[in-house]
Amino acid sequence: MRQFEPARQVAARLELAGPERFLARVHAGIDIHGDGSMVAYQGQVRKVPIEPSPGEDAVDALLRALTKNG
Protein backbone atom coordinates (compact mmCIF):
# COMPACT_ATOMS: atom_id res chain seq x y z
CA MET A 1 0.00 0.00 0.00
CA ARG A 2 1.29 3.48 -0.84
CA GLN A 3 1.31 6.30 1.66
CA PHE A 4 0.98 9.96 0.76
CA GLU A 5 2.09 12.89 2.89
CA PRO A 6 -0.69 15.37 3.83
CA ALA A 7 0.50 17.94 1.27
CA ARG A 8 -0.33 15.48 -1.54
CA GLN A 9 -3.75 14.41 -0.20
CA VAL A 10 -6.86 16.33 -1.23
CA ALA A 11 -9.02 16.69 1.88
CA ALA A 12 -11.73 18.82 0.24
CA ARG A 13 -12.52 20.16 -3.21
CA LEU A 14 -14.64 23.10 -4.33
CA GLU A 15 -15.69 22.78 -7.98
CA LEU A 16 -17.36 25.45 -10.09
CA ALA A 17 -18.94 24.96 -13.52
CA GLY A 18 -20.95 27.23 -15.72
CA PRO A 19 -22.53 29.46 -16.69
CA GLU A 20 -24.48 26.92 -18.75
CA ARG A 21 -26.70 24.53 -16.84
CA PHE A 22 -25.69 21.49 -18.90
CA LEU A 23 -22.36 20.94 -20.67
CA ALA A 24 -20.67 23.88 -18.98
CA ARG A 25 -17.82 25.56 -20.83
CA VAL A 26 -15.90 26.63 -17.72
CA HIS A 27 -14.69 24.22 -15.04
CA ALA A 28 -12.50 25.40 -12.17
CA GLY A 29 -12.07 25.03 -8.44
CA ILE A 30 -9.86 24.84 -5.39
CA ASP A 31 -8.29 21.77 -3.80
CA ILE A 32 -7.65 21.91 -0.06
CA HIS A 33 -4.84 19.55 0.90
CA GLY A 34 -4.38 17.64 4.14
CA ASP A 35 -1.77 20.12 5.38
CA GLY A 36 -4.19 23.06 4.90
CA SER A 37 -2.62 24.41 1.71
CA MET A 38 -4.93 25.41 -1.15
CA VAL A 39 -4.38 25.15 -4.90
CA ALA A 40 -6.64 26.77 -7.50
CA TYR A 41 -7.10 24.96 -10.81
CA GLN A 42 -8.91 25.12 -14.15
CA GLY A 43 -10.21 22.15 -16.08
CA GLN A 44 -12.47 19.21 -15.44
CA VAL A 45 -10.55 16.04 -16.21
CA ARG A 46 -7.07 17.49 -16.56
CA LYS A 47 -6.73 20.02 -13.76
CA VAL A 48 -4.24 22.78 -14.60
CA PRO A 49 -2.97 24.64 -11.50
CA ILE A 50 -3.40 28.41 -11.43
CA GLU A 51 -0.26 30.05 -10.10
CA PRO A 52 -1.06 32.87 -7.66
CA SER A 53 0.55 36.25 -8.26
CA PRO A 54 2.56 37.81 -5.42
CA GLY A 55 0.20 38.70 -2.58
CA GLU A 56 -2.61 36.44 -3.85
CA ASP A 57 -4.05 33.38 -2.21
CA ALA A 58 -5.77 30.50 -4.06
CA VAL A 59 -9.19 32.18 -3.95
CA ASP A 60 -7.85 35.43 -5.43
CA ALA A 61 -5.97 33.50 -8.14
CA LEU A 62 -9.14 31.59 -9.08
CA LEU A 63 -11.18 34.80 -9.21
CA ARG A 64 -8.53 36.45 -11.41
CA ALA A 65 -8.44 33.50 -13.81
CA LEU A 66 -12.23 33.28 -14.08
CA THR A 67 -12.75 37.01 -14.66
CA LYS A 68 -9.96 37.06 -17.25
CA ASN A 69 -11.52 34.18 -19.21
CA GLY A 70 -15.15 35.02 -18.59
PDB file of N, CA and C in Angstrom:
ATOM      1  N   MET A   1       0.840  -1.169   0.000  1.00  0.00           N
ATOM      2  CA  MET A   1       0.000   0.000   0.000  1.00  0.00           C
ATOM      3  C   MET A   1       0.897   1.249   0.000  1.00  0.00           C
ATOM      4  N   ARG A   2       0.525   2.234  -0.785  1.00  0.00           N
ATOM      5  CA  ARG A   2       1.289   3.481  -0.843  1.00  0.00           C
ATOM      6  C   ARG A   2       0.783   4.451   0.215  1.00  0.00           C
ATOM      7  N   GLN A   3       1.683   5.256   0.713  1.00  0.00           N
ATOM      8  CA  GLN A   3       1.313   6.296   1.663  1.00  0.00           C
ATOM      9  C   GLN A   3       1.657   7.641   1.067  1.00  0.00           C
ATOM     10  N   PHE A   4       0.782   8.611   1.286  1.00  0.00           N
ATOM     11  CA  PHE A   4       0.976   9.961   0.764  1.00  0.00           C
ATOM     12  C   PHE A   4       1.058  10.927   1.933  1.00  0.00           C
ATOM     13  N   GLU A   5       1.997  11.872   1.856  1.00  0.00           N
ATOM     14  CA  GLU A   5       2.087  12.891   2.885  1.00  0.00           C
ATOM     15  C   GLU A   5       0.879  13.826   2.760  1.00  0.00           C
ATOM     16  N   PRO A   6       0.503  14.524   3.839  1.00  0.00           N
ATOM     17  CA  PRO A   6      -0.694  15.371   3.829  1.00  0.00           C
ATOM     18  C   PRO A   6      -0.711  16.418   2.716  1.00  0.00           C
ATOM     19  N   ALA A   7       0.448  16.920   2.321  1.00  0.00           N
ATOM     20  CA  ALA A   7       0.500  17.944   1.270  1.00  0.00           C
ATOM     21  C   ALA A   7       0.052  17.401  -0.087  1.00  0.00           C
ATOM     22  N   ARG A   8       0.081  16.079  -0.263  1.00  0.00           N
ATOM     23  CA  ARG A   8      -0.326  15.480  -1.542  1.00  0.00           C
ATOM     24  C   ARG A   8      -1.749  14.915  -1.497  1.00  0.00           C
ATOM     25  N   GLN A   9      -2.394  14.939  -0.337  1.00  0.00           N
ATOM     26  CA  GLN A   9      -3.750  14.411  -0.203  1.00  0.00           C
ATOM     27  C   GLN A   9      -4.758  15.551  -0.322  1.00  0.00           C
ATOM     28  N   VAL A  10      -5.792  15.348  -1.120  1.00  0.00           N
ATOM     29  CA  VAL A  10      -6.861  16.330  -1.231  1.00  0.00           C
ATOM     30  C   VAL A  10      -7.909  15.998  -0.177  1.00  0.00           C
ATOM     31  N   ALA A  11      -8.058  16.896   0.802  1.00  0.00           N
ATOM     32  CA  ALA A  11      -9.017  16.693   1.883  1.00  0.00           C
ATOM     33  C   ALA A  11     -10.399  17.193   1.493  1.00  0.00           C
ATOM     34  N   ALA A  12     -10.447  18.250   0.678  1.00  0.00           N
ATOM     35  CA  ALA A  12     -11.728  18.815   0.236  1.00  0.00           C
ATOM     36  C   ALA A  12     -11.520  19.474  -1.119  1.00  0.00           C
ATOM     37  N   ARG A  13     -12.594  19.558  -1.881  1.00  0.00           N
ATOM     38  CA  ARG A  13     -12.523  20.160  -3.214  1.00  0.00           C
ATOM     39  C   ARG A  13     -13.777  21.005  -3.447  1.00  0.00           C
ATOM     40  N   LEU A  14     -13.556  22.223  -3.920  1.00  0.00           N
ATOM     41  CA  LEU A  14     -14.636  23.103  -4.335  1.00  0.00           C
ATOM     42  C   LEU A  14     -14.582  23.167  -5.845  1.00  0.00           C
ATOM     43  N   GLU A  15     -15.648  22.756  -6.513  1.00  0.00           N
ATOM     44  CA  GLU A  15     -15.685  22.779  -7.977  1.00  0.00           C
ATOM     45  C   GLU A  15     -16.771  23.731  -8.455  1.00  0.00           C
ATOM     46  N   LEU A  16     -16.426  24.515  -9.458  1.00  0.00           N
ATOM     47  CA  LEU A  16     -17.363  25.448 -10.090  1.00  0.00           C
ATOM     48  C   LEU A  16     -17.499  25.081 -11.558  1.00  0.00           C
ATOM     49  N   ALA A  17     -18.704  25.212 -12.100  1.00  0.00           N
ATOM     50  CA  ALA A  17     -18.939  24.962 -13.523  1.00  0.00           C
ATOM     51  C   ALA A  17     -20.025  25.907 -13.991  1.00  0.00           C
ATOM     52  N   GLY A  18     -19.883  26.365 -15.219  1.00  0.00           N
ATOM     53  CA  GLY A  18     -20.951  27.234 -15.724  1.00  0.00           C
ATOM     54  C   GLY A  18     -20.451  28.162 -16.792  1.00  0.00           C
ATOM     55  N   PRO A  19     -21.222  29.090 -17.214  1.00  0.00           N
ATOM     56  CA  PRO A  19     -22.527  29.463 -16.686  1.00  0.00           C
ATOM     57  C   PRO A  19     -23.681  28.608 -17.225  1.00  0.00           C
ATOM     58  N   GLU A  20     -23.413  27.755 -18.184  1.00  0.00           N
ATOM     59  CA  GLU A  20     -24.484  26.923 -18.748  1.00  0.00           C
ATOM     60  C   GLU A  20     -24.937  25.888 -17.719  1.00  0.00           C
ATOM     61  N   ARG A  21     -26.187  25.509 -17.787  1.00  0.00           N
ATOM     62  CA  ARG A  21     -26.700  24.530 -16.837  1.00  0.00           C
ATOM     63  C   ARG A  21     -26.196  23.130 -17.169  1.00  0.00           C
ATOM     64  N   PHE A  22     -26.197  22.776 -18.443  1.00  0.00           N
ATOM     65  CA  PHE A  22     -25.692  21.486 -18.898  1.00  0.00           C
ATOM     66  C   PHE A  22     -24.514  21.725 -19.830  1.00  0.00           C
ATOM     67  N   LEU A  23     -23.550  20.835 -19.818  1.00  0.00           N
ATOM     68  CA  LEU A  23     -22.358  20.941 -20.672  1.00  0.00           C
ATOM     69  C   LEU A  23     -21.664  22.292 -20.508  1.00  0.00           C
ATOM     70  N   ALA A  24     -21.299  22.596 -19.290  1.00  0.00           N
ATOM     71  CA  ALA A  24     -20.672  23.878 -18.976  1.00  0.00           C
ATOM     72  C   ALA A  24     -19.344  24.028 -19.710  1.00  0.00           C
ATOM     73  N   ARG A  25     -19.069  25.257 -20.142  1.00  0.00           N
ATOM     74  CA  ARG A  25     -17.815  25.562 -20.828  1.00  0.00           C
ATOM     75  C   ARG A  25     -16.667  25.741 -19.845  1.00  0.00           C
ATOM     76  N   VAL A  26     -16.945  26.299 -18.687  1.00  0.00           N
ATOM     77  CA  VAL A  26     -15.902  26.632 -17.717  1.00  0.00           C
ATOM     78  C   VAL A  26     -15.965  25.660 -16.543  1.00  0.00           C
ATOM     79  N   HIS A  27     -14.826  25.084 -16.210  1.00  0.00           N
ATOM     80  CA  HIS A  27     -14.686  24.220 -15.041  1.00  0.00           C
ATOM     81  C   HIS A  27     -13.455  24.691 -14.280  1.00  0.00           C
ATOM     82  N   ALA A  28     -13.612  24.933 -12.994  1.00  0.00           N
ATOM     83  CA  ALA A  28     -12.500  25.399 -12.166  1.00  0.00           C
ATOM     84  C   ALA A  28     -12.813  25.075 -10.713  1.00  0.00           C
ATOM     85  N   GLY A  29     -11.837  25.286  -9.845  1.00  0.00           N
ATOM     86  CA  GLY A  29     -12.074  25.033  -8.439  1.00  0.00           C
ATOM     87  C   GLY A  29     -10.829  25.210  -7.598  1.00  0.00           C
ATOM     88  N   ILE A  30     -10.956  24.764  -6.347  1.00  0.00           N
ATOM     89  CA  ILE A  30      -9.863  24.842  -5.389  1.00  0.00           C
ATOM     90  C   ILE A  30      -9.773  23.503  -4.671  1.00  0.00           C
ATOM     91  N   ASP A  31      -8.554  22.963  -4.591  1.00  0.00           N
ATOM     92  CA  ASP A  31      -8.287  21.770  -3.798  1.00  0.00           C
ATOM     93  C   ASP A  31      -7.680  22.212  -2.476  1.00  0.00           C
ATOM     94  N   ILE A  32      -8.210  21.660  -1.382  1.00  0.00           N
ATOM     95  CA  ILE A  32      -7.650  21.909  -0.060  1.00  0.00           C
ATOM     96  C   ILE A  32      -6.952  20.621   0.362  1.00  0.00           C
ATOM     97  N   HIS A  33      -5.659  20.720   0.592  1.00  0.00           N
ATOM     98  CA  HIS A  33      -4.845  19.554   0.904  1.00  0.00           C
ATOM     99  C   HIS A  33      -4.855  19.260   2.403  1.00  0.00           C
ATOM    100  N   GLY A  34      -4.393  18.084   2.754  1.00  0.00           N
ATOM    101  CA  GLY A  34      -4.380  17.640   4.138  1.00  0.00           C
ATOM    102  C   GLY A  34      -3.559  18.512   5.069  1.00  0.00           C
ATOM    103  N   ASP A  35      -2.583  19.235   4.536  1.00  0.00           N
ATOM    104  CA  ASP A  35      -1.766  20.121   5.378  1.00  0.00           C
ATOM    105  C   ASP A  35      -2.349  21.533   5.464  1.00  0.00           C
ATOM    106  N   GLY A  36      -3.531  21.754   4.854  1.00  0.00           N
ATOM    107  CA  GLY A  36      -4.191  23.057   4.904  1.00  0.00           C
ATOM    108  C   GLY A  36      -3.863  23.961   3.737  1.00  0.00           C
ATOM    109  N   SER A  37      -2.944  23.578   2.878  1.00  0.00           N
ATOM    110  CA  SER A  37      -2.621  24.408   1.715  1.00  0.00           C
ATOM    111  C   SER A  37      -3.742  24.310   0.677  1.00  0.00           C
ATOM    112  N   MET A  38      -3.888  25.361  -0.121  1.00  0.00           N
ATOM    113  CA  MET A  38      -4.931  25.406  -1.148  1.00  0.00           C
ATOM    114  C   MET A  38      -4.304  25.645  -2.511  1.00  0.00           C
ATOM    115  N   VAL A  39      -4.850  24.994  -3.533  1.00  0.00           N
ATOM    116  CA  VAL A  39      -4.380  25.148  -4.901  1.00  0.00           C
ATOM    117  C   VAL A  39      -5.590  25.378  -5.792  1.00  0.00           C
ATOM    118  N   ALA A  40      -5.581  26.493  -6.531  1.00  0.00           N
ATOM    119  CA  ALA A  40      -6.638  26.768  -7.501  1.00  0.00           C
ATOM    120  C   ALA A  40      -6.300  26.061  -8.804  1.00  0.00           C
ATOM    121  N   TYR A  41      -7.328  25.650  -9.547  1.00  0.00           N
ATOM    122  CA  TYR A  41      -7.097  24.960 -10.814  1.00  0.00           C
ATOM    123  C   TYR A  41      -8.208  25.282 -11.802  1.00  0.00           C
ATOM    124  N   GLN A  42      -7.919  25.046 -13.075  1.00  0.00           N
ATOM    125  CA  GLN A  42      -8.911  25.118 -14.149  1.00  0.00           C
ATOM    126  C   GLN A  42      -8.913  23.782 -14.850  1.00  0.00           C
ATOM    127  N   GLY A  43     -10.074  23.395 -15.356  1.00  0.00           N
ATOM    128  CA  GLY A  43     -10.208  22.148 -16.080  1.00  0.00           C
ATOM    129  C   GLY A  43     -11.087  21.170 -15.323  1.00  0.00           C
ATOM    130  N   GLN A  44     -11.589  20.188 -16.052  1.00  0.00           N
ATOM    131  CA  GLN A  44     -12.467  19.212 -15.438  1.00  0.00           C
ATOM    132  C   GLN A  44     -11.747  17.881 -15.244  1.00  0.00           C
ATOM    133  N   VAL A  45     -11.257  17.313 -16.309  1.00  0.00           N
ATOM    134  CA  VAL A  45     -10.553  16.039 -16.211  1.00  0.00           C
ATOM    135  C   VAL A  45      -9.074  16.288 -15.937  1.00  0.00           C
ATOM    136  N   ARG A  46      -8.477  17.122 -16.738  1.00  0.00           N
ATOM    137  CA  ARG A  46      -7.065  17.486 -16.562  1.00  0.00           C
ATOM    138  C   ARG A  46      -7.018  18.827 -15.846  1.00  0.00           C
ATOM    139  N   LYS A  47      -6.743  18.799 -14.569  1.00  0.00           N
ATOM    140  CA  LYS A  47      -6.735  20.015 -13.763  1.00  0.00           C
ATOM    141  C   LYS A  47      -5.394  20.736 -13.912  1.00  0.00           C
ATOM    142  N   VAL A  48      -5.438  21.964 -14.405  1.00  0.00           N
ATOM    143  CA  VAL A  48      -4.240  22.777 -14.602  1.00  0.00           C
ATOM    144  C   VAL A  48      -4.152  23.782 -13.449  1.00  0.00           C
ATOM    145  N   PRO A  49      -3.098  23.709 -12.634  1.00  0.00           N
ATOM    146  CA  PRO A  49      -2.974  24.638 -11.503  1.00  0.00           C
ATOM    147  C   PRO A  49      -2.895  26.091 -11.968  1.00  0.00           C
ATOM    148  N   ILE A  50      -3.479  26.970 -11.187  1.00  0.00           N
ATOM    149  CA  ILE A  50      -3.402  28.410 -11.425  1.00  0.00           C
ATOM    150  C   ILE A  50      -2.392  28.961 -10.435  1.00  0.00           C
ATOM    151  N   GLU A  51      -1.306  29.504 -10.954  1.00  0.00           N
ATOM    152  CA  GLU A  51      -0.262  30.051 -10.097  1.00  0.00           C
ATOM    153  C   GLU A  51      -0.709  31.410  -9.550  1.00  0.00           C
ATOM    154  N   PRO A  52      -0.696  31.569  -8.231  1.00  0.00           N
ATOM    155  CA  PRO A  52      -1.058  32.874  -7.661  1.00  0.00           C
ATOM    156  C   PRO A  52       0.037  33.911  -7.908  1.00  0.00           C
ATOM    157  N   SER A  53      -0.384  35.131  -8.148  1.00  0.00           N
ATOM    158  CA  SER A  53       0.551  36.249  -8.264  1.00  0.00           C
ATOM    159  C   SER A  53       1.027  36.616  -6.867  1.00  0.00           C
ATOM    160  N   PRO A  54       2.095  37.390  -6.754  1.00  0.00           N
ATOM    161  CA  PRO A  54       2.560  37.808  -5.424  1.00  0.00           C
ATOM    162  C   PRO A  54       1.436  38.515  -4.655  1.00  0.00           C
ATOM    163  N   GLY A  55       1.238  38.103  -3.420  1.00  0.00           N
ATOM    164  CA  GLY A  55       0.202  38.696  -2.576  1.00  0.00           C
ATOM    165  C   GLY A  55      -1.171  38.068  -2.731  1.00  0.00           C
ATOM    166  N   GLU A  56      -1.326  37.104  -3.635  1.00  0.00           N
ATOM    167  CA  GLU A  56      -2.608  36.439  -3.853  1.00  0.00           C
ATOM    168  C   GLU A  56      -2.660  35.114  -3.106  1.00  0.00           C
ATOM    169  N   ASP A  57      -3.860  34.730  -2.698  1.00  0.00           N
ATOM    170  CA  ASP A  57      -4.053  33.376  -2.213  1.00  0.00           C
ATOM    171  C   ASP A  57      -4.781  32.593  -3.306  1.00  0.00           C
ATOM    172  N   ALA A  58      -5.143  31.351  -3.041  1.00  0.00           N
ATOM    173  CA  ALA A  58      -5.768  30.498  -4.061  1.00  0.00           C
ATOM    174  C   ALA A  58      -7.114  31.053  -4.517  1.00  0.00           C
ATOM    175  N   VAL A  59      -7.883  31.628  -3.595  1.00  0.00           N
ATOM    176  CA  VAL A  59      -9.194  32.177  -3.947  1.00  0.00           C
ATOM    177  C   VAL A  59      -9.030  33.370  -4.877  1.00  0.00           C
ATOM    178  N   ASP A  60      -8.097  34.261  -4.570  1.00  0.00           N
ATOM    179  CA  ASP A  60      -7.848  35.425  -5.431  1.00  0.00           C
ATOM    180  C   ASP A  60      -7.354  34.996  -6.813  1.00  0.00           C
ATOM    181  N   ALA A  61      -6.486  33.984  -6.858  1.00  0.00           N
ATOM    182  CA  ALA A  61      -5.966  33.498  -8.140  1.00  0.00           C
ATOM    183  C   ALA A  61      -7.096  32.902  -8.984  1.00  0.00           C
ATOM    184  N   LEU A  62      -8.004  32.159  -8.361  1.00  0.00           N
ATOM    185  CA  LEU A  62      -9.143  31.588  -9.081  1.00  0.00           C
ATOM    186  C   LEU A  62     -10.044  32.691  -9.611  1.00  0.00           C
ATOM    187  N   LEU A  63     -10.342  33.679  -8.782  1.00  0.00           N
ATOM    188  CA  LEU A  63     -11.178  34.800  -9.213  1.00  0.00           C
ATOM    189  C   LEU A  63     -10.540  35.542 -10.384  1.00  0.00           C
ATOM    190  N   ARG A  64      -9.230  35.786 -10.314  1.00  0.00           N
ATOM    191  CA  ARG A  64      -8.527  36.455 -11.409  1.00  0.00           C
ATOM    192  C   ARG A  64      -8.621  35.658 -12.696  1.00  0.00           C
ATOM    193  N   ALA A  65      -8.405  34.351 -12.611  1.00  0.00           N
ATOM    194  CA  ALA A  65      -8.442  33.502 -13.807  1.00  0.00           C
ATOM    195  C   ALA A  65      -9.836  33.429 -14.400  1.00  0.00           C
ATOM    196  N   LEU A  66     -10.855  33.371 -13.557  1.00  0.00           N
ATOM    197  CA  LEU A  66     -12.234  33.282 -14.076  1.00  0.00           C
ATOM    198  C   LEU A  66     -12.705  34.599 -14.673  1.00  0.00           C
ATOM    199  N   THR A  67     -12.325  35.721 -14.091  1.00  0.00           N
ATOM    200  CA  THR A  67     -12.748  37.005 -14.661  1.00  0.00           C
ATOM    201  C   THR A  67     -11.978  37.339 -15.922  1.00  0.00           C
ATOM    202  N   LYS A  68     -10.741  36.840 -16.040  1.00  0.00           N
ATOM    203  CA  LYS A  68      -9.955  37.059 -17.248  1.00  0.00           C
ATOM    204  C   LYS A  68     -10.539  36.267 -18.416  1.00  0.00           C
ATOM    205  N   ASN A  69     -10.993  35.032 -18.150  1.00  0.00           N
ATOM    206  CA  ASN A  69     -11.520  34.177 -19.206  1.00  0.00           C
ATOM    207  C   ASN A  69     -13.010  34.335 -19.416  1.00  0.00           C
ATOM    208  N   GLY A  70     -13.697  34.953 -18.496  1.00  0.00           N
ATOM    209  CA  GLY A  70     -15.149  35.019 -18.587  1.00  0.00           C
ATOM    210  C   GLY A  70     -15.602  36.298 -19.018  1.00  0.00           C
TER     211      GLY A  70
END
